[in-house]
Amino acid sequence: MDVPKIQSALRTIARGLEELAGALGDEQEAGEDERTARVIREWGRRGLTQKEASALFQRHGFAPQTTGGWARGEWVELGDDGLRYLTAKSHAWLEGRP
């Protein structure tokens, strides 16, 4: 089984489904960048449990597993206390938005 190839295909499918959902929804629905900004603003600098982080992503239209992807992309890190924190990269991205 070629796991990386399967993962890539699933990500492609997910992007396609996101586009389809956007086409079916209200034209005023926020895009991914805006939803990302909303997640970062709401999360702030506090630590969240895995359950809290998953719920936050879901509230903004992301899959609950998004935390893992953000961790791999160095947008989220696990603190010594076991909580998840946004990294400086996340906050810099938000500050750099027009």
Protein backbone atom coordinates (compact mmCIF):
# COMPACT_ATOMS: atom_id res chain seq x y z
CA MET A 1 0.00 0.00 0.00
CA ASP A 2 1.41 3.37 -1.05
CA VAL A 3 0.37 5.47 1.98
CA PRO A 4 1.82 8.80 0.77
CA LYS A 5 0.00 8.44 -2.56
CA ILE A 6 -3.28 7.63 -0.78
CA GLN A 7 -2.81 10.63 1.54
CA SER A 8 -2.20 12.89 -1.43
CA ALA A 9 -5.31 11.60 -3.20
CA LEU A 10 -7.42 12.16 -0.08
CA ARG A 11 -6.17 15.74 0.20
CA THR A 12 -7.06 16.33 -3.45
CA ILE A 13 -10.54 14.94 -2.87
CA ALA A 14 -10.95 17.10 0.24
CA ARG A 15 -9.99 20.25 -1.71
CA GLY A 16 -12.50 19.33 -4.40
CA LEU A 17 -15.23 18.79 -1.84
CA GLU A 18 -14.40 22.14 -0.24
CA GLU A 19 -14.82 23.84 -3.61
CA LEU A 20 -18.10 21.99 -4.19
CA ALA A 21 -19.39 22.99 -0.75
CA GLY A 22 -18.49 26.59 -1.50
CA ALA A 23 -20.34 26.44 -4.79
CA LEU A 24 -23.46 25.18 -3.04
CA GLY A 25 -23.29 27.63 -0.16
CA ASP A 26 -24.02 31.30 0.20
CA GLU A 27 -21.83 33.45 -2.02
CA GLN A 28 -20.91 35.47 1.06
CA GLU A 29 -19.46 32.40 2.81
CA ALA A 30 -15.91 33.03 4.01
CA GLY A 31 -13.01 31.49 2.10
CA GLU A 32 -10.28 29.38 3.66
CA ASP A 33 -7.97 32.33 4.40
CA GLU A 34 -10.73 34.20 6.22
CA ARG A 35 -11.73 31.10 8.19
CA THR A 36 -8.07 30.54 9.06
CA ALA A 37 -7.82 34.12 10.32
CA ARG A 38 -10.95 33.62 12.42
CA VAL A 39 -9.49 30.47 13.99
CA ILE A 40 -6.25 32.28 14.89
CA ARG A 41 -8.12 35.29 16.32
CA GLU A 42 -10.41 33.13 18.45
CA TRP A 43 -7.60 30.82 19.61
CA GLY A 44 -5.31 33.69 20.57
CA ARG A 45 -2.32 32.83 22.75
CA ARG A 46 -4.09 30.45 25.12
CA GLY A 47 -3.53 26.71 25.20
CA LEU A 48 -6.30 24.36 24.08
CA THR A 49 -6.93 20.69 24.69
CA GLN A 50 -7.20 18.42 21.67
CA LYS A 51 -10.98 18.40 22.05
CA GLU A 52 -11.16 22.21 22.31
CA ALA A 53 -8.91 22.69 19.26
CA SER A 54 -10.96 20.23 17.20
CA ALA A 55 -14.19 21.99 18.18
CA LEU A 56 -12.70 25.38 17.27
CA PHE A 57 -11.74 24.16 13.81
CA GLN A 58 -15.17 22.64 13.29
CA ARG A 59 -16.90 25.91 14.25
CA HIS A 60 -15.02 27.58 11.42
CA GLY A 61 -15.75 24.93 8.80
CA PHE A 62 -12.58 22.85 9.04
CA ALA A 63 -12.29 19.13 9.75
CA PRO A 64 -11.58 18.37 13.41
CA GLN A 65 -8.30 16.71 12.37
CA THR A 66 -6.97 20.02 11.04
CA THR A 67 -4.96 20.51 14.23
CA GLY A 68 -2.64 17.68 13.16
CA GLY A 69 -2.02 19.28 9.78
CA TRP A 70 -1.30 22.61 11.40
CA ALA A 71 1.13 20.89 13.77
CA ARG A 72 2.98 19.30 10.84
CA GLY A 73 3.10 22.72 9.16
CA GLU A 74 4.47 24.26 12.37
CA TRP A 75 1.38 26.42 12.95
CA VAL A 76 0.52 24.61 16.21
CA GLU A 77 2.80 23.12 18.85
CA LEU A 78 2.26 20.95 21.89
CA GLY A 79 3.24 22.68 25.12
CA ASP A 80 4.88 21.03 28.14
CA ASP A 81 1.46 21.17 29.81
CA GLY A 82 -0.08 18.98 27.09
CA LEU A 83 -2.06 21.85 25.57
CA ARG A 84 -1.87 23.00 21.96
CA TYR A 85 -0.61 26.52 21.24
CA LEU A 86 -0.41 28.53 18.06
CA THR A 87 3.17 29.20 17.01
CA ALA A 88 4.74 32.53 16.14
CA LYS A 89 4.30 31.49 12.48
CA SER A 90 0.49 31.51 12.93
CA HIS A 91 0.44 34.90 14.60
CA ALA A 92 2.84 36.37 12.01
CA TRP A 93 0.59 35.10 9.19
CA LEU A 94 -2.40 36.84 10.77
CA GLU A 95 -0.48 40.09 11.34
CA GLY A 96 0.74 40.05 7.73
CA ARG A 97 -2.76 39.82 6.28
CA PRO A 98 -4.06 42.91 4.51
